[in-house]
């Protein structure tokens, strides 16, 4: 069985969650600040990416970070292009940790229109997918943001996401479709209803061999994504923490059956560059176990 099929089986069947280690240019300084590293620790973007790679490497090489509880990890392109413990990052994740590697492929968000932010154009996507496949990446992730319950905007988000997802499937990779709904939206519940309807309509148009994953904001109405979870074309539905702290995110996750975590800030909460290795490992072990248990419901 090749790696892709082994990895697909793991994502489909094994309990656990996906670690989101894919902060990119705009969100990296804030992530590093929360980790206890201020912006004077680097001089340029390359220096910043070097510092964040040290943080990610420390997470990935922690004894607690293994494929027993963390079934996947989403990387930023710069992280994919670097090494961890003398292996490429994707090789290290799968060969050493048995963690399935994913890659963030979007290039950020366009300006808000009709209550949503679509993804910016991705003119180099084909080359990126080819590189990812060669490096042993299993799947991809791409993010849009929904701020208002605007049907036209939400339909545009879903249409764009599925259009790109088909391109990713054709390249031999598994797409994670992420139409995030802003947790601060005053129309969050209504937007979720519209999104669910649009997602099911788009899923119903896929052919039997076009499989996708979905990454959603934890909903206001518990178990409202059940039809997506049960859809034949959906491998897995995962949830972002979206700015909720870990305790709140885990509480919401536990209440939604069949959805697993794909947390970023909630995973790294409490981790500090200044911690000893033993304190760092104890902190991340506590985080991983809490998210793992919430993902098992």
C-alpha atoms as a PDB file:
ATOM      1  CA  UNK A   1       0.000   0.000   0.000  1.00  0.00           C
ATOM      2  CA  UNK A   2       1.496   3.373  -0.953  1.00  0.00           C
ATOM      3  CA  UNK A   3       1.797   6.290   1.449  1.00  0.00           C
ATOM      4  CA  UNK A   4      -1.268   8.095   0.103  1.00  0.00           C
ATOM      5  CA  UNK A   5      -3.562   5.127   0.713  1.00  0.00           C
ATOM      6  CA  UNK A   6      -2.060   4.474   4.143  1.00  0.00           C
ATOM      7  CA  UNK A   7      -2.478   8.126   5.031  1.00  0.00           C
ATOM      8  CA  UNK A   8      -6.031   8.227   3.703  1.00  0.00           C
ATOM      9  CA  UNK A   9      -6.938   5.216   5.830  1.00  0.00           C
ATOM     10  CA  UNK A  10      -5.406   6.860   8.894  1.00  0.00           C
ATOM     11  CA  UNK A  11      -7.332  10.106   8.395  1.00  0.00           C
ATOM     12  CA  UNK A  12     -10.571   8.197   7.759  1.00  0.00           C
ATOM     13  CA  UNK A  13     -10.439   5.726  10.614  1.00  0.00           C
ATOM     14  CA  UNK A  14      -8.004   6.634  13.415  1.00  0.00           C
ATOM     15  CA  UNK A  15      -9.083   8.754  16.397  1.00  0.00           C
ATOM     16  CA  UNK A  16      -7.068  11.926  16.782  1.00  0.00           C
ATOM     17  CA  UNK A  17      -6.835  15.468  15.475  1.00  0.00           C
ATOM     18  CA  UNK A  18      -4.918  17.605  12.977  1.00  0.00           C
ATOM     19  CA  UNK A  19      -2.390  20.151  14.232  1.00  0.00           C
ATOM     20  CA  UNK A  20      -2.492  23.451  12.325  1.00  0.00           C
ATOM     21  CA  UNK A  21       1.130  24.630  12.124  1.00  0.00           C
ATOM     22  CA  UNK A  22       0.556  26.857   9.113  1.00  0.00           C
ATOM     23  CA  UNK A  23       0.709  30.458  10.311  1.00  0.00           C
ATOM     24  CA  UNK A  24       1.978  32.455   7.357  1.00  0.00           C
ATOM     25  CA  UNK A  25       3.446  35.941   6.939  1.00  0.00           C
ATOM     26  CA  UNK A  26       0.679  38.035   8.471  1.00  0.00           C
ATOM     27  CA  UNK A  27      -0.068  35.879  11.514  1.00  0.00           C
ATOM     28  CA  UNK A  28       3.472  34.735  12.326  1.00  0.00           C
ATOM     29  CA  UNK A  29       4.586  37.746  14.477  1.00  0.00           C
ATOM     30  CA  UNK A  30       1.514  37.365  16.716  1.00  0.00           C
ATOM     31  CA  UNK A  31       2.081  33.608  17.025  1.00  0.00           C
ATOM     32  CA  UNK A  32       5.712  34.225  17.990  1.00  0.00           C
ATOM     33  CA  UNK A  33       4.722  36.920  20.493  1.00  0.00           C
ATOM     34  CA  UNK A  34       2.379  34.455  22.185  1.00  0.00           C
ATOM     35  CA  UNK A  35       5.336  32.040  22.250  1.00  0.00           C
ATOM     36  CA  UNK A  36       7.375  34.650  24.121  1.00  0.00           C
ATOM     37  CA  UNK A  37       9.496  35.889  21.201  1.00  0.00           C
ATOM     38  CA  UNK A  38       9.285  39.597  20.345  1.00  0.00           C
ATOM     39  CA  UNK A  39       9.829  41.085  16.875  1.00  0.00           C
ATOM     40  CA  UNK A  40      13.331  42.319  17.728  1.00  0.00           C
ATOM     41  CA  UNK A  41      14.461  38.669  17.583  1.00  0.00           C
ATOM     42  CA  UNK A  42      14.695  38.871  13.768  1.00  0.00           C
ATOM     43  CA  UNK A  43      15.739  41.434  11.159  1.00  0.00           C
ATOM     44  CA  UNK A  44      13.767  40.361   8.073  1.00  0.00           C
ATOM     45  CA  UNK A  45      11.193  37.848   6.847  1.00  0.00           C
ATOM     46  CA  UNK A  46      13.780  35.112   6.409  1.00  0.00           C
ATOM     47  CA  UNK A  47      14.898  35.590   9.999  1.00  0.00           C
ATOM     48  CA  UNK A  48      11.286  35.514  11.182  1.00  0.00           C
ATOM     49  CA  UNK A  49      10.619  32.264   9.319  1.00  0.00           C
ATOM     50  CA  UNK A  50      13.758  30.786  10.838  1.00  0.00           C
ATOM     51  CA  UNK A  51      12.500  31.608  14.336  1.00  0.00           C
ATOM     52  CA  UNK A  52       9.016  30.220  13.691  1.00  0.00           C
ATOM     53  CA  UNK A  53      10.540  27.064  12.219  1.00  0.00           C
ATOM     54  CA  UNK A  54      12.425  26.574  15.471  1.00  0.00           C
ATOM     55  CA  UNK A  55       9.099  26.791  17.312  1.00  0.00           C
ATOM     56  CA  UNK A  56       7.394  24.352  14.942  1.00  0.00           C
ATOM     57  CA  UNK A  57      10.352  21.968  15.047  1.00  0.00           C
ATOM     58  CA  UNK A  58      10.207  21.992  18.843  1.00  0.00           C
ATOM     59  CA  UNK A  59       6.525  21.082  18.684  1.00  0.00           C
ATOM     60  CA  UNK A  60       7.023  18.353  16.066  1.00  0.00           C
ATOM     61  CA  UNK A  61      10.011  16.778  17.817  1.00  0.00           C
ATOM     62  CA  UNK A  62       8.330  16.744  21.233  1.00  0.00           C
ATOM     63  CA  UNK A  63       7.890  13.163  22.524  1.00  0.00           C
ATOM     64  CA  UNK A  64       4.178  13.937  22.987  1.00  0.00           C
ATOM     65  CA  UNK A  65       3.690  14.865  19.322  1.00  0.00           C
ATOM     66  CA  UNK A  66       3.145  11.487  17.631  1.00  0.00           C
ATOM     67  CA  UNK A  67       0.674   9.869  15.267  1.00  0.00           C
ATOM     68  CA  UNK A  68      -1.090   8.132  18.147  1.00  0.00           C
ATOM     69  CA  UNK A  69      -3.052  11.294  18.946  1.00  0.00           C
ATOM     70  CA  UNK A  70      -2.002  13.801  16.249  1.00  0.00           C
ATOM     71  CA  UNK A  71      -3.062  12.180  12.984  1.00  0.00           C
ATOM     72  CA  UNK A  72      -2.161  15.100  10.709  1.00  0.00           C
ATOM     73  CA  UNK A  73      -0.330  18.425  10.579  1.00  0.00           C
ATOM     74  CA  UNK A  74      -0.873  21.404   8.260  1.00  0.00           C
ATOM     75  CA  UNK A  75       2.300  23.205   7.149  1.00  0.00           C
ATOM     76  CA  UNK A  76       3.084  26.563   5.573  1.00  0.00           C
ATOM     77  CA  UNK A  77       5.112  26.329   2.329  1.00  0.00           C
ATOM     78  CA  UNK A  78       8.217  27.734   4.029  1.00  0.00           C
ATOM     79  CA  UNK A  79       7.996  24.964   6.651  1.00  0.00           C
ATOM     80  CA  UNK A  80       7.587  22.284   3.966  1.00  0.00           C
ATOM     81  CA  UNK A  81      10.771  23.556   2.307  1.00  0.00           C
ATOM     82  CA  UNK A  82      12.829  23.211   5.507  1.00  0.00           C
ATOM     83  CA  UNK A  83      14.200  20.203   7.411  1.00  0.00           C
ATOM     84  CA  UNK A  84      13.459  18.712  10.814  1.00  0.00           C
ATOM     85  CA  UNK A  85      16.061  16.401  12.363  1.00  0.00           C
ATOM     86  CA  UNK A  86      17.925  15.966   9.047  1.00  0.00           C
ATOM     87  CA  UNK A  87      14.779  15.031   7.096  1.00  0.00           C
ATOM     88  CA  UNK A  88      12.437  17.186   5.045  1.00  0.00           C
ATOM     89  CA  UNK A  89       9.540  18.269   7.255  1.00  0.00           C
ATOM     90  CA  UNK A  90       6.982  16.063   5.464  1.00  0.00           C
ATOM     91  CA  UNK A  91       9.312  13.051   5.601  1.00  0.00           C
ATOM     92  CA  UNK A  92       9.957  13.615   9.298  1.00  0.00           C
ATOM     93  CA  UNK A  93       6.251  13.864  10.076  1.00  0.00           C
ATOM     94  CA  UNK A  94       5.327  10.645   8.288  1.00  0.00           C
ATOM     95  CA  UNK A  95       8.455   8.489   8.542  1.00  0.00           C
ATOM     96  CA  UNK A  96       9.319   9.302  12.155  1.00  0.00           C
ATOM     97  CA  UNK A  97       6.029  10.394  13.751  1.00  0.00           C
ATOM     98  CA  UNK A  98       3.379   8.741  11.541  1.00  0.00           C
ATOM     99  CA  UNK A  99       1.659  12.132  11.240  1.00  0.00           C
ATOM    100  CA  UNK A 100       0.014  12.843   7.855  1.00  0.00           C
ATOM    101  CA  UNK A 101       1.405  16.050   6.251  1.00  0.00           C
ATOM    102  CA  UNK A 102      -0.834  18.711   4.687  1.00  0.00           C
ATOM    103  CA  UNK A 103       0.131  22.035   3.044  1.00  0.00           C
ATOM    104  CA  UNK A 104      -1.583  25.428   3.184  1.00  0.00           C
ATOM    105  CA  UNK A 105      -1.830  26.502  -0.470  1.00  0.00           C
ATOM    106  CA  UNK A 106      -3.877  29.720  -0.468  1.00  0.00           C
ATOM    107  CA  UNK A 107      -2.164  33.083  -0.864  1.00  0.00           C
ATOM    108  CA  UNK A 108      -4.305  34.965   1.609  1.00  0.00           C
ATOM    109  CA  UNK A 109      -7.637  36.734   1.446  1.00  0.00           C
ATOM    110  CA  UNK A 110      -9.091  39.218  -1.018  1.00  0.00           C
ATOM    111  CA  UNK A 111     -10.882  42.348   0.212  1.00  0.00           C
ATOM    112  CA  UNK A 112     -14.334  41.856   1.700  1.00  0.00           C
ATOM    113  CA  UNK A 113     -17.221  41.832  -0.759  1.00  0.00           C
ATOM    114  CA  UNK A 114     -20.805  40.677  -0.151  1.00  0.00           C
ATOM    115  CA  UNK A 115     -19.929  39.901   3.459  1.00  0.00           C
ATOM    116  CA  UNK A 116     -17.103  37.472   2.626  1.00  0.00           C
ATOM    117  CA  UNK A 117     -13.421  37.368   1.768  1.00  0.00           C
ATOM    118  CA  UNK A 118     -12.637  35.072  -1.130  1.00  0.00           C
ATOM    119  CA  UNK A 119      -9.156  33.652  -1.638  1.00  0.00           C
ATOM    120  CA  UNK A 120      -6.664  35.675  -3.659  1.00  0.00           C
ATOM    121  CA  UNK A 121      -5.740  34.280  -7.065  1.00  0.00           C
ATOM    122  CA  UNK A 122      -3.252  31.393  -7.017  1.00  0.00           C
ATOM    123  CA  UNK A 123      -1.454  31.610 -10.391  1.00  0.00           C
ATOM    124  CA  UNK A 124       1.377  29.305  -9.244  1.00  0.00           C
ATOM    125  CA  UNK A 125      -0.912  26.611  -7.803  1.00  0.00           C
ATOM    126  CA  UNK A 126      -0.038  23.890 -10.330  1.00  0.00           C
ATOM    127  CA  UNK A 127       3.690  24.238  -9.618  1.00  0.00           C
ATOM    128  CA  UNK A 128       3.069  24.272  -5.865  1.00  0.00           C
ATOM    129  CA  UNK A 129       0.922  21.134  -6.025  1.00  0.00           C
ATOM    130  CA  UNK A 130       3.577  19.373  -8.078  1.00  0.00           C
ATOM    131  CA  UNK A 131       6.261  20.331  -5.556  1.00  0.00           C
ATOM    132  CA  UNK A 132       4.078  19.250  -2.633  1.00  0.00           C
ATOM    133  CA  UNK A 133       3.383  15.878  -4.210  1.00  0.00           C
ATOM    134  CA  UNK A 134       7.111  15.323  -4.818  1.00  0.00           C
ATOM    135  CA  UNK A 135       7.884  16.172  -1.182  1.00  0.00           C
ATOM    136  CA  UNK A 136       5.413  13.615   0.170  1.00  0.00           C
ATOM    137  CA  UNK A 137       2.535  15.925   1.093  1.00  0.00           C
ATOM    138  CA  UNK A 138      -0.838  14.122   1.374  1.00  0.00           C
ATOM    139  CA  UNK A 139      -3.282  17.006   1.205  1.00  0.00           C
ATOM    140  CA  UNK A 140      -3.810  20.749   1.131  1.00  0.00           C
ATOM    141  CA  UNK A 141      -5.725  23.424   3.005  1.00  0.00           C
ATOM    142  CA  UNK A 142      -7.140  26.717   1.746  1.00  0.00           C
ATOM    143  CA  UNK A 143      -9.111  29.324   3.699  1.00  0.00           C
ATOM    144  CA  UNK A 144     -11.869  31.796   2.929  1.00  0.00           C
ATOM    145  CA  UNK A 145     -13.696  33.903   5.546  1.00  0.00           C
ATOM    146  CA  UNK A 146     -17.439  34.538   5.900  1.00  0.00           C
ATOM    147  CA  UNK A 147     -18.459  37.576   7.980  1.00  0.00           C
ATOM    148  CA  UNK A 148     -22.141  38.034   7.167  1.00  0.00           C
ATOM    149  CA  UNK A 149     -25.136  35.886   6.277  1.00  0.00           C
ATOM    150  CA  UNK A 150     -25.027  37.000   2.656  1.00  0.00           C
ATOM    151  CA  UNK A 151     -26.192  34.193   0.366  1.00  0.00           C
ATOM    152  CA  UNK A 152     -24.475  35.591  -2.715  1.00  0.00           C
ATOM    153  CA  UNK A 153     -21.168  35.895  -0.888  1.00  0.00           C
ATOM    154  CA  UNK A 154     -21.389  32.477   0.754  1.00  0.00           C
ATOM    155  CA  UNK A 155     -22.250  30.798  -2.547  1.00  0.00           C
ATOM    156  CA  UNK A 156     -19.230  32.525  -4.132  1.00  0.00           C
ATOM    157  CA  UNK A 157     -16.974  31.195  -1.349  1.00  0.00           C
ATOM    158  CA  UNK A 158     -18.194  27.636  -1.829  1.00  0.00           C
ATOM    159  CA  UNK A 159     -18.012  27.841  -5.624  1.00  0.00           C
ATOM    160  CA  UNK A 160     -14.405  29.081  -5.511  1.00  0.00           C
ATOM    161  CA  UNK A 161     -13.361  26.525  -2.905  1.00  0.00           C
ATOM    162  CA  UNK A 162     -14.787  23.568  -4.815  1.00  0.00           C
ATOM    163  CA  UNK A 163     -13.392  24.779  -8.124  1.00  0.00           C
ATOM    164  CA  UNK A 164      -9.870  24.852  -6.673  1.00  0.00           C
ATOM    165  CA  UNK A 165     -10.480  21.586  -4.794  1.00  0.00           C
ATOM    166  CA  UNK A 166     -11.109  19.798  -8.093  1.00  0.00           C
ATOM    167  CA  UNK A 167      -7.759  21.058  -9.376  1.00  0.00           C
ATOM    168  CA  UNK A 168      -6.087  19.723  -6.198  1.00  0.00           C
ATOM    169  CA  UNK A 169      -7.798  16.326  -6.528  1.00  0.00           C
ATOM    170  CA  UNK A 170      -6.628  16.115 -10.144  1.00  0.00           C
ATOM    171  CA  UNK A 171      -3.051  16.663  -8.905  1.00  0.00           C
ATOM    172  CA  UNK A 172      -3.370  13.596  -6.663  1.00  0.00           C
ATOM    173  CA  UNK A 173      -3.786  15.425  -3.342  1.00  0.00           C
ATOM    174  CA  UNK A 174      -6.578  15.619  -0.750  1.00  0.00           C
ATOM    175  CA  UNK A 175      -8.102  19.111  -0.385  1.00  0.00           C
ATOM    176  CA  UNK A 176      -9.265  20.552   2.918  1.00  0.00           C
ATOM    177  CA  UNK A 177     -11.930  23.136   2.066  1.00  0.00           C
ATOM    178  CA  UNK A 178     -12.031  25.828   4.786  1.00  0.00           C
ATOM    179  CA  UNK A 179     -14.895  28.355   4.608  1.00  0.00           C
ATOM    180  CA  UNK A 180     -14.299  29.891   8.047  1.00  0.00           C
ATOM    181  CA  UNK A 181     -17.161  31.824   9.626  1.00  0.00           C
ATOM    182  CA  UNK A 182     -15.890  34.667  11.805  1.00  0.00           C
ATOM    183  CA  UNK A 183     -16.702  33.790  15.445  1.00  0.00           C
ATOM    184  CA  UNK A 184     -17.439  37.480  16.090  1.00  0.00           C
ATOM    185  CA  UNK A 185     -20.066  37.727  13.344  1.00  0.00           C
ATOM    186  CA  UNK A 186     -23.461  38.897  14.629  1.00  0.00           C
ATOM    187  CA  UNK A 187     -25.001  36.736  11.882  1.00  0.00           C
ATOM    188  CA  UNK A 188     -22.970  33.602  12.627  1.00  0.00           C
ATOM    189  CA  UNK A 189     -25.909  31.192  13.093  1.00  0.00           C
ATOM    190  CA  UNK A 190     -27.681  32.367   9.933  1.00  0.00           C
ATOM    191  CA  UNK A 191     -24.437  32.240   7.960  1.00  0.00           C
ATOM    192  CA  UNK A 192     -23.925  28.646   9.136  1.00  0.00           C
ATOM    193  CA  UNK A 193     -27.342  27.620   7.816  1.00  0.00           C
ATOM    194  CA  UNK A 194     -26.568  29.167   4.430  1.00  0.00           C
ATOM    195  CA  UNK A 195     -23.118  27.565   4.340  1.00  0.00           C
ATOM    196  CA  UNK A 196     -24.428  24.089   5.156  1.00  0.00           C
ATOM    197  CA  UNK A 197     -26.945  24.336   2.320  1.00  0.00           C
ATOM    198  CA  UNK A 198     -24.283  25.517  -0.145  1.00  0.00           C
ATOM    199  CA  UNK A 199     -21.812  22.822   0.939  1.00  0.00           C
ATOM    200  CA  UNK A 200     -24.308  19.986   0.471  1.00  0.00           C
ATOM    201  CA  UNK A 201     -25.277  21.304  -2.969  1.00  0.00           C
ATOM    202  CA  UNK A 202     -21.599  21.429  -4.017  1.00  0.00           C
ATOM    203  CA  UNK A 203     -20.827  18.006  -2.527  1.00  0.00           C
ATOM    204  CA  UNK A 204     -23.747  16.506  -4.428  1.00  0.00           C
ATOM    205  CA  UNK A 205     -22.168  17.655  -7.699  1.00  0.00           C
ATOM    206  CA  UNK A 206     -18.885  15.810  -7.110  1.00  0.00           C
ATOM    207  CA  UNK A 207     -18.214  12.505  -8.834  1.00  0.00           C
ATOM    208  CA  UNK A 208     -17.795   9.393  -6.679  1.00  0.00           C
ATOM    209  CA  UNK A 209     -13.993   9.532  -6.931  1.00  0.00           C
ATOM    210  CA  UNK A 210     -13.744  13.209  -5.922  1.00  0.00           C
ATOM    211  CA  UNK A 211     -13.242  13.176  -2.163  1.00  0.00           C
ATOM    212  CA  UNK A 212     -12.683  16.220   0.040  1.00  0.00           C
ATOM    213  CA  UNK A 213     -12.264  17.225   3.654  1.00  0.00           C
ATOM    214  CA  UNK A 214     -14.038  20.187   5.241  1.00  0.00           C
ATOM    215  CA  UNK A 215     -12.716  22.570   7.908  1.00  0.00           C
ATOM    216  CA  UNK A 216     -15.445  24.588   9.613  1.00  0.00           C
ATOM    217  CA  UNK A 217     -15.957  26.992  12.493  1.00  0.00           C
ATOM    218  CA  UNK A 218     -17.544  25.276  15.499  1.00  0.00           C
ATOM    219  CA  UNK A 219     -21.262  25.998  15.015  1.00  0.00           C
ATOM    220  CA  UNK A 220     -23.868  27.727  17.161  1.00  0.00           C
ATOM    221  CA  UNK A 221     -26.329  24.844  16.700  1.00  0.00           C
ATOM    222  CA  UNK A 222     -24.738  21.595  17.876  1.00  0.00           C
ATOM    223  CA  UNK A 223     -24.352  18.811  15.298  1.00  0.00           C
ATOM    224  CA  UNK A 224     -25.563  21.019  12.464  1.00  0.00           C
ATOM    225  CA  UNK A 225     -22.863  19.653  10.109  1.00  0.00           C
ATOM    226  CA  UNK A 226     -24.059  16.042  10.427  1.00  0.00           C
ATOM    227  CA  UNK A 227     -25.180  15.866   6.778  1.00  0.00           C
ATOM    228  CA  UNK A 228     -21.682  16.945   5.692  1.00  0.00           C
ATOM    229  CA  UNK A 229     -20.029  14.416   8.021  1.00  0.00           C
ATOM    230  CA  UNK A 230     -22.162  11.609   6.590  1.00  0.00           C
ATOM    231  CA  UNK A 231     -21.781  12.617   2.923  1.00  0.00           C
ATOM    232  CA  UNK A 232     -20.170   9.962   0.722  1.00  0.00           C
ATOM    233  CA  UNK A 233     -17.683  12.454  -0.754  1.00  0.00           C
ATOM    234  CA  UNK A 234     -16.430  13.716   2.616  1.00  0.00           C
ATOM    235  CA  UNK A 235     -13.417  11.976   4.158  1.00  0.00           C
ATOM    236  CA  UNK A 236     -13.483  13.981   7.402  1.00  0.00           C
ATOM    237  CA  UNK A 237     -14.885  17.181   8.876  1.00  0.00           C
ATOM    238  CA  UNK A 238     -12.457  19.096  11.075  1.00  0.00           C
ATOM    239  CA  UNK A 239     -12.914  22.267  13.108  1.00  0.00           C
ATOM    240  CA  UNK A 240     -10.789  25.356  13.562  1.00  0.00           C
ATOM    241  CA  UNK A 241     -10.504  26.996  16.973  1.00  0.00           C
ATOM    242  CA  UNK A 242     -11.105  30.364  15.312  1.00  0.00           C
ATOM    243  CA  UNK A 243      -9.910  32.460  18.234  1.00  0.00           C
ATOM    244  CA  UNK A 244     -11.735  30.543  20.972  1.00  0.00           C
ATOM    245  CA  UNK A 245      -9.393  29.586  23.808  1.00  0.00           C
ATOM    246  CA  UNK A 246      -8.637  25.876  24.143  1.00  0.00           C
ATOM    247  CA  UNK A 247     -11.139  25.173  26.917  1.00  0.00           C
ATOM    248  CA  UNK A 248     -14.001  26.854  25.060  1.00  0.00           C
ATOM    249  CA  UNK A 249     -13.009  25.294  21.713  1.00  0.00           C
ATOM    250  CA  UNK A 250     -12.792  21.823  23.265  1.00  0.00           C
ATOM    251  CA  UNK A 251     -16.165  22.250  24.936  1.00  0.00           C
ATOM    252  CA  UNK A 252     -17.797  23.141  21.628  1.00  0.00           C
ATOM    253  CA  UNK A 253     -15.915  20.361  19.848  1.00  0.00           C
ATOM    254  CA  UNK A 254     -17.048  17.733  22.361  1.00  0.00           C
ATOM    255  CA  UNK A 255     -20.669  18.730  21.724  1.00  0.00           C
ATOM    256  CA  UNK A 256     -20.347  18.189  17.956  1.00  0.00           C
ATOM    257  CA  UNK A 257     -20.217  14.461  17.234  1.00  0.00           C
ATOM    258  CA  UNK A 258     -18.005  13.233  14.411  1.00  0.00           C
ATOM    259  CA  UNK A 259     -15.925  16.418  14.043  1.00  0.00           C
ATOM    260  CA  UNK A 260     -12.237  16.438  15.000  1.00  0.00           C
ATOM    261  CA  UNK A 261     -10.008  19.397  15.846  1.00  0.00           C
ATOM    262  CA  UNK A 262      -7.634  21.197  13.526  1.00  0.00           C
ATOM    263  CA  UNK A 263      -6.446  23.771  16.033  1.00  0.00           C
ATOM    264  CA  UNK A 264      -3.599  26.289  15.822  1.00  0.00           C
ATOM    265  CA  UNK A 265      -3.704  28.849  18.645  1.00  0.00           C
ATOM    266  CA  UNK A 266      -5.586  26.469  20.941  1.00  0.00           C
ATOM    267  CA  UNK A 267      -2.866  23.854  20.420  1.00  0.00           C
ATOM    268  CA  UNK A 268       0.106  26.138  21.100  1.00  0.00           C
ATOM    269  CA  UNK A 269      -1.575  27.947  24.015  1.00  0.00           C
ATOM    270  CA  UNK A 270       0.791  28.042  27.000  1.00  0.00           C
ATOM    271  CA  UNK A 271       3.942  27.148  25.054  1.00  0.00           C
ATOM    272  CA  UNK A 272       6.898  29.492  25.604  1.00  0.00           C
ATOM    273  CA  UNK A 273      10.364  29.653  24.072  1.00  0.00           C
ATOM    274  CA  UNK A 274      11.772  30.160  27.568  1.00  0.00           C
ATOM    275  CA  UNK A 275      10.384  26.875  28.928  1.00  0.00           C
ATOM    276  CA  UNK A 276      12.719  24.006  29.704  1.00  0.00           C
ATOM    277  CA  UNK A 277      12.258  20.968  27.476  1.00  0.00           C
ATOM    278  CA  UNK A 278      10.498  19.103  30.279  1.00  0.00           C
ATOM    279  CA  UNK A 279       8.088  21.995  30.947  1.00  0.00           C
ATOM    280  CA  UNK A 280       7.496  22.464  27.214  1.00  0.00           C
ATOM    281  CA  UNK A 281       6.754  18.751  26.729  1.00  0.00           C
ATOM    282  CA  UNK A 282       4.460  18.648  29.766  1.00  0.00           C
ATOM    283  CA  UNK A 283       2.529  21.674  28.496  1.00  0.00           C
ATOM    284  CA  UNK A 284       2.066  20.352  24.972  1.00  0.00           C
ATOM    285  CA  UNK A 285       1.174  16.886  26.271  1.00  0.00           C
ATOM    286  CA  UNK A 286      -1.642  18.411  28.344  1.00  0.00           C
ATOM    287  CA  UNK A 287      -2.834  20.371  25.298  1.00  0.00           C
ATOM    288  CA  UNK A 288      -2.661  17.374  22.957  1.00  0.00           C
ATOM    289  CA  UNK A 289      -4.503  15.095  25.382  1.00  0.00           C
ATOM    290  CA  UNK A 290      -7.329  17.598  25.955  1.00  0.00           C
ATOM    291  CA  UNK A 291      -7.812  18.196  22.222  1.00  0.00           C
ATOM    292  CA  UNK A 292      -7.544  14.447  21.502  1.00  0.00           C
ATOM    293  CA  UNK A 293     -10.273  13.625  24.011  1.00  0.00           C
ATOM    294  CA  UNK A 294     -12.548  16.381  22.653  1.00  0.00           C
ATOM    295  CA  UNK A 295     -11.997  15.016  19.125  1.00  0.00           C
ATOM    296  CA  UNK A 296     -13.056  11.481  20.086  1.00  0.00           C
ATOM    297  CA  UNK A 297     -16.740  12.312  20.582  1.00  0.00           C
END
